[in-house]
Amino acid sequence: MDNTRLHEDLNGYFIEDLSVGMSAAFAKTITEADIVMFSGVTGDMNPVHVNEDFARDTMFKGRIAHGMLTASLISTVLGMKMPGPGCIYLSQDLKFLAPVRAGDTVTAHAIITDIIPEKKRIVCKTTASIGEKIVCDGEAKMMVRSRAEEEASKG
């Protein structure tokens, strides 16, 4: 595969390709290994995530996944699916509504609610859910590349 084709395969949507209402999703079953690795990568060893004896005595009655592990699935939707590779995450507001445990399958969704073409920005409603239950709710702002500007820069 030549380098030009590889570069094209890594590109997500351009701002000109997007419209309000477009959506994408990503689903993953959270494993014990995910929780342990996330703890190690981030240094967040809060016992509610890593110590069953401690967590059993909390309001959750057992270990839960990190909220930011769940939220990172939203990043996967935005960075890999829509708008996809080449976009820049500007901000994310989050509300954590329910716990996620090892074995739960979480589906992250993003839907475009606003497009600001002159700034090359989009706004997305973001959620993560287990079945019909929303466990994380929020809004993301993204910078998206412009096809017109990219073509102009190539000469």
C-alpha atoms as a PDB file:
ATOM      1  CA  MET A   1       0.000   0.000   0.000  1.00  0.00           C
ATOM      2  CA  ASP A   2       1.469   3.337  -0.987  1.00  0.00           C
ATOM      3  CA  ASN A   3       1.850   6.104   1.584  1.00  0.00           C
ATOM      4  CA  THR A   4      -0.827   8.308  -0.038  1.00  0.00           C
ATOM      5  CA  ARG A   5      -3.469   5.555   0.203  1.00  0.00           C
ATOM      6  CA  LEU A   6      -2.480   4.786   3.795  1.00  0.00           C
ATOM      7  CA  HIS A   7      -2.895   8.474   4.682  1.00  0.00           C
ATOM      8  CA  GLU A   8      -6.329   8.519   3.022  1.00  0.00           C
ATOM      9  CA  ASP A   9      -7.403   5.448   5.036  1.00  0.00           C
ATOM     10  CA  LEU A  10      -6.537   7.265   8.264  1.00  0.00           C
ATOM     11  CA  ASN A  11      -8.705  10.304   7.497  1.00  0.00           C
ATOM     12  CA  GLY A  12     -12.082  10.794   9.095  1.00  0.00           C
ATOM     13  CA  TYR A  13     -14.837  13.084   7.909  1.00  0.00           C
ATOM     14  CA  PHE A  14     -14.232  16.624   6.759  1.00  0.00           C
ATOM     15  CA  ILE A  15     -16.482  19.384   8.113  1.00  0.00           C
ATOM     16  CA  GLU A  16     -18.131  19.550   4.675  1.00  0.00           C
ATOM     17  CA  ASP A  17     -19.221  15.885   4.982  1.00  0.00           C
ATOM     18  CA  LEU A  18     -21.015  16.257   8.317  1.00  0.00           C
ATOM     19  CA  SER A  19     -24.627  17.164   9.077  1.00  0.00           C
ATOM     20  CA  VAL A  20     -26.727  17.637  12.186  1.00  0.00           C
ATOM     21  CA  GLY A  21     -28.228  14.308  13.203  1.00  0.00           C
ATOM     22  CA  MET A  22     -25.347  12.132  12.005  1.00  0.00           C
ATOM     23  CA  SER A  23     -24.389   9.596  14.651  1.00  0.00           C
ATOM     24  CA  ALA A  24     -21.956   6.824  15.458  1.00  0.00           C
ATOM     25  CA  ALA A  25     -21.512   4.239  18.201  1.00  0.00           C
ATOM     26  CA  PHE A  26     -18.900   1.933  19.705  1.00  0.00           C
ATOM     27  CA  ALA A  27     -19.558  -0.971  22.098  1.00  0.00           C
ATOM     28  CA  LYS A  28     -17.166  -2.799  24.403  1.00  0.00           C
ATOM     29  CA  THR A  29     -17.523  -5.265  27.231  1.00  0.00           C
ATOM     30  CA  ILE A  30     -15.523  -3.954  30.182  1.00  0.00           C
ATOM     31  CA  THR A  31     -13.216  -6.619  31.610  1.00  0.00           C
ATOM     32  CA  GLU A  32     -11.321  -7.020  34.859  1.00  0.00           C
ATOM     33  CA  ALA A  33      -8.146  -6.519  32.825  1.00  0.00           C
ATOM     34  CA  ASP A  34      -9.463  -3.197  31.458  1.00  0.00           C
ATOM     35  CA  ILE A  35     -10.033  -1.921  35.007  1.00  0.00           C
ATOM     36  CA  VAL A  36      -6.627  -3.107  36.238  1.00  0.00           C
ATOM     37  CA  MET A  37      -4.808  -1.677  33.193  1.00  0.00           C
ATOM     38  CA  PHE A  38      -6.677   1.639  33.437  1.00  0.00           C
ATOM     39  CA  SER A  39      -5.659   1.830  37.123  1.00  0.00           C
ATOM     40  CA  GLY A  40      -2.050   1.212  36.184  1.00  0.00           C
ATOM     41  CA  VAL A  41      -1.961   3.657  33.275  1.00  0.00           C
ATOM     42  CA  THR A  42      -3.650   6.478  35.210  1.00  0.00           C
ATOM     43  CA  GLY A  43      -2.387   5.755  38.730  1.00  0.00           C
ATOM     44  CA  ASP A  44      -6.002   5.842  39.983  1.00  0.00           C
ATOM     45  CA  MET A  45      -5.926   3.025  42.494  1.00  0.00           C
ATOM     46  CA  ASN A  46      -9.064   4.150  44.347  1.00  0.00           C
ATOM     47  CA  PRO A  47     -10.096   1.035  46.294  1.00  0.00           C
ATOM     48  CA  VAL A  48     -13.654   1.275  44.953  1.00  0.00           C
ATOM     49  CA  HIS A  49     -12.093   0.153  41.648  1.00  0.00           C
ATOM     50  CA  VAL A  50      -9.429  -2.309  42.816  1.00  0.00           C
ATOM     51  CA  ASN A  51     -10.354  -3.703  46.246  1.00  0.00           C
ATOM     52  CA  GLU A  52     -13.472  -5.878  46.486  1.00  0.00           C
ATOM     53  CA  ASP A  53     -13.462  -5.962  50.318  1.00  0.00           C
ATOM     54  CA  PHE A  54     -13.437  -2.164  50.469  1.00  0.00           C
ATOM     55  CA  ALA A  55     -15.906  -1.723  47.595  1.00  0.00           C
ATOM     56  CA  ARG A  56     -18.409  -4.187  49.098  1.00  0.00           C
ATOM     57  CA  ASP A  57     -18.968  -1.723  51.974  1.00  0.00           C
ATOM     58  CA  THR A  58     -19.670   1.245  49.659  1.00  0.00           C
ATOM     59  CA  MET A  59     -22.969   2.375  48.181  1.00  0.00           C
ATOM     60  CA  PHE A  60     -22.069   0.312  45.076  1.00  0.00           C
ATOM     61  CA  LYS A  61     -21.817  -2.981  47.027  1.00  0.00           C
ATOM     62  CA  GLY A  62     -18.828  -4.041  44.942  1.00  0.00           C
ATOM     63  CA  ARG A  63     -16.085  -2.861  42.616  1.00  0.00           C
ATOM     64  CA  ILE A  64     -16.922  -0.509  39.776  1.00  0.00           C
ATOM     65  CA  ALA A  65     -15.038   0.638  36.702  1.00  0.00           C
ATOM     66  CA  HIS A  66     -13.542   4.108  36.621  1.00  0.00           C
ATOM     67  CA  GLY A  67     -15.946   6.718  35.262  1.00  0.00           C
ATOM     68  CA  MET A  68     -13.229   7.974  32.959  1.00  0.00           C
ATOM     69  CA  LEU A  69     -12.720   4.449  31.583  1.00  0.00           C
ATOM     70  CA  THR A  70     -16.371   4.508  30.566  1.00  0.00           C
ATOM     71  CA  ALA A  71     -16.022   8.047  29.185  1.00  0.00           C
ATOM     72  CA  SER A  72     -12.982   6.998  27.152  1.00  0.00           C
ATOM     73  CA  LEU A  73     -15.302   4.921  24.972  1.00  0.00           C
ATOM     74  CA  ILE A  74     -16.883   8.224  23.890  1.00  0.00           C
ATOM     75  CA  SER A  75     -13.409   9.309  22.811  1.00  0.00           C
ATOM     76  CA  THR A  76     -13.214   6.163  20.677  1.00  0.00           C
ATOM     77  CA  VAL A  77     -16.457   7.042  18.879  1.00  0.00           C
ATOM     78  CA  LEU A  78     -15.338  10.607  18.196  1.00  0.00           C
ATOM     79  CA  GLY A  79     -11.714   9.882  17.364  1.00  0.00           C
ATOM     80  CA  MET A  80     -12.164   6.724  15.308  1.00  0.00           C
ATOM     81  CA  LYS A  81     -15.675   6.811  13.821  1.00  0.00           C
ATOM     82  CA  MET A  82     -17.252  10.273  13.619  1.00  0.00           C
ATOM     83  CA  PRO A  83     -15.803  12.709  12.924  1.00  0.00           C
ATOM     84  CA  GLY A  84     -12.930  10.223  13.079  1.00  0.00           C
ATOM     85  CA  PRO A  85      -9.172  10.361  12.569  1.00  0.00           C
ATOM     86  CA  GLY A  86      -7.775  13.848  12.139  1.00  0.00           C
ATOM     87  CA  CYS A  87     -10.295  15.582  14.410  1.00  0.00           C
ATOM     88  CA  ILE A  88      -9.273  17.366  17.598  1.00  0.00           C
ATOM     89  CA  TYR A  89     -11.171  16.942  20.867  1.00  0.00           C
ATOM     90  CA  LEU A  90     -11.733  20.418  22.339  1.00  0.00           C
ATOM     91  CA  SER A  91     -13.964  19.754  25.341  1.00  0.00           C
ATOM     92  CA  GLN A  92     -16.227  17.225  27.006  1.00  0.00           C
ATOM     93  CA  ASP A  93     -18.856  17.792  29.688  1.00  0.00           C
ATOM     94  CA  LEU A  94     -19.823  14.628  31.579  1.00  0.00           C
ATOM     95  CA  LYS A  95     -22.353  13.474  34.125  1.00  0.00           C
ATOM     96  CA  PHE A  96     -21.866  10.014  35.578  1.00  0.00           C
ATOM     97  CA  LEU A  97     -25.311   8.559  36.257  1.00  0.00           C
ATOM     98  CA  ALA A  98     -24.779   4.890  37.159  1.00  0.00           C
ATOM     99  CA  PRO A  99     -21.910   2.491  37.852  1.00  0.00           C
ATOM    100  CA  VAL A 100     -20.265   0.200  35.328  1.00  0.00           C
ATOM    101  CA  ARG A 101     -18.881  -3.156  36.431  1.00  0.00           C
ATOM    102  CA  ALA A 102     -16.600  -5.751  34.893  1.00  0.00           C
ATOM    103  CA  GLY A 103     -18.720  -7.808  32.501  1.00  0.00           C
ATOM    104  CA  ASP A 104     -20.993  -4.906  31.482  1.00  0.00           C
ATOM    105  CA  THR A 105     -21.194  -4.091  27.784  1.00  0.00           C
ATOM    106  CA  VAL A 106     -21.092  -0.325  27.374  1.00  0.00           C
ATOM    107  CA  THR A 107     -22.196   1.363  24.165  1.00  0.00           C
ATOM    108  CA  ALA A 108     -20.941   4.890  23.583  1.00  0.00           C
ATOM    109  CA  HIS A 109     -22.961   7.110  21.231  1.00  0.00           C
ATOM    110  CA  ALA A 110     -22.314  10.499  19.652  1.00  0.00           C
ATOM    111  CA  ILE A 111     -24.830  12.499  17.640  1.00  0.00           C
ATOM    112  CA  ILE A 112     -24.073  15.828  15.984  1.00  0.00           C
ATOM    113  CA  THR A 113     -26.297  18.566  17.397  1.00  0.00           C
ATOM    114  CA  ASP A 114     -24.625  21.644  15.922  1.00  0.00           C
ATOM    115  CA  ILE A 115     -22.111  22.541  13.221  1.00  0.00           C
ATOM    116  CA  ILE A 116     -20.175  25.822  13.158  1.00  0.00           C
ATOM    117  CA  PRO A 117     -18.551  25.640   9.699  1.00  0.00           C
ATOM    118  CA  GLU A 118     -16.711  28.966   9.881  1.00  0.00           C
ATOM    119  CA  LYS A 119     -14.845  27.715  12.962  1.00  0.00           C
ATOM    120  CA  LYS A 120     -14.614  24.094  11.762  1.00  0.00           C
ATOM    121  CA  ARG A 121     -16.353  22.969  14.946  1.00  0.00           C
ATOM    122  CA  ILE A 122     -19.072  20.468  15.748  1.00  0.00           C
ATOM    123  CA  VAL A 123     -21.017  19.850  18.938  1.00  0.00           C
ATOM    124  CA  CYS A 124     -22.147  16.320  19.805  1.00  0.00           C
ATOM    125  CA  LYS A 125     -24.513  14.901  22.395  1.00  0.00           C
ATOM    126  CA  THR A 126     -22.596  12.030  23.953  1.00  0.00           C
ATOM    127  CA  THR A 127     -23.835   9.109  26.006  1.00  0.00           C
ATOM    128  CA  ALA A 128     -22.630   5.773  27.274  1.00  0.00           C
ATOM    129  CA  SER A 129     -25.199   3.151  28.131  1.00  0.00           C
ATOM    130  CA  ILE A 130     -25.634  -0.416  29.303  1.00  0.00           C
ATOM    131  CA  GLY A 131     -28.635  -1.620  27.356  1.00  0.00           C
ATOM    132  CA  GLU A 132     -31.216   1.158  27.649  1.00  0.00           C
ATOM    133  CA  LYS A 133     -29.716   2.581  30.870  1.00  0.00           C
ATOM    134  CA  ILE A 134     -27.598   5.705  30.343  1.00  0.00           C
ATOM    135  CA  VAL A 135     -24.566   5.572  32.634  1.00  0.00           C
ATOM    136  CA  CYS A 136     -22.761   8.670  31.323  1.00  0.00           C
ATOM    137  CA  ASP A 137     -24.279  11.732  29.634  1.00  0.00           C
ATOM    138  CA  GLY A 138     -22.588  14.757  28.152  1.00  0.00           C
ATOM    139  CA  GLU A 139     -21.625  17.060  25.322  1.00  0.00           C
ATOM    140  CA  ALA A 140     -18.435  17.186  23.271  1.00  0.00           C
ATOM    141  CA  LYS A 141     -16.948  19.905  21.097  1.00  0.00           C
ATOM    142  CA  MET A 142     -14.647  18.904  18.268  1.00  0.00           C
ATOM    143  CA  MET A 143     -12.492  20.652  15.669  1.00  0.00           C
ATOM    144  CA  VAL A 144     -12.826  19.008  12.273  1.00  0.00           C
ATOM    145  CA  ARG A 145     -10.590  19.433   9.245  1.00  0.00           C
ATOM    146  CA  SER A 146     -11.858  21.260   6.175  1.00  0.00           C
ATOM    147  CA  ARG A 147     -11.535  19.587   2.780  1.00  0.00           C
ATOM    148  CA  ALA A 148     -11.325  23.003   1.085  1.00  0.00           C
ATOM    149  CA  GLU A 149      -8.426  24.130   3.281  1.00  0.00           C
ATOM    150  CA  GLU A 150      -6.616  20.809   2.955  1.00  0.00           C
ATOM    151  CA  GLU A 151      -6.890  20.879  -0.856  1.00  0.00           C
ATOM    152  CA  ALA A 152      -5.765  24.524  -0.941  1.00  0.00           C
ATOM    153  CA  SER A 153      -2.685  23.676   1.144  1.00  0.00           C
ATOM    154  CA  LYS A 154      -1.680  20.956  -1.350  1.00  0.00           C
ATOM    155  CA  GLY A 155      -1.353  23.591  -4.015  1.00  0.00           C
END
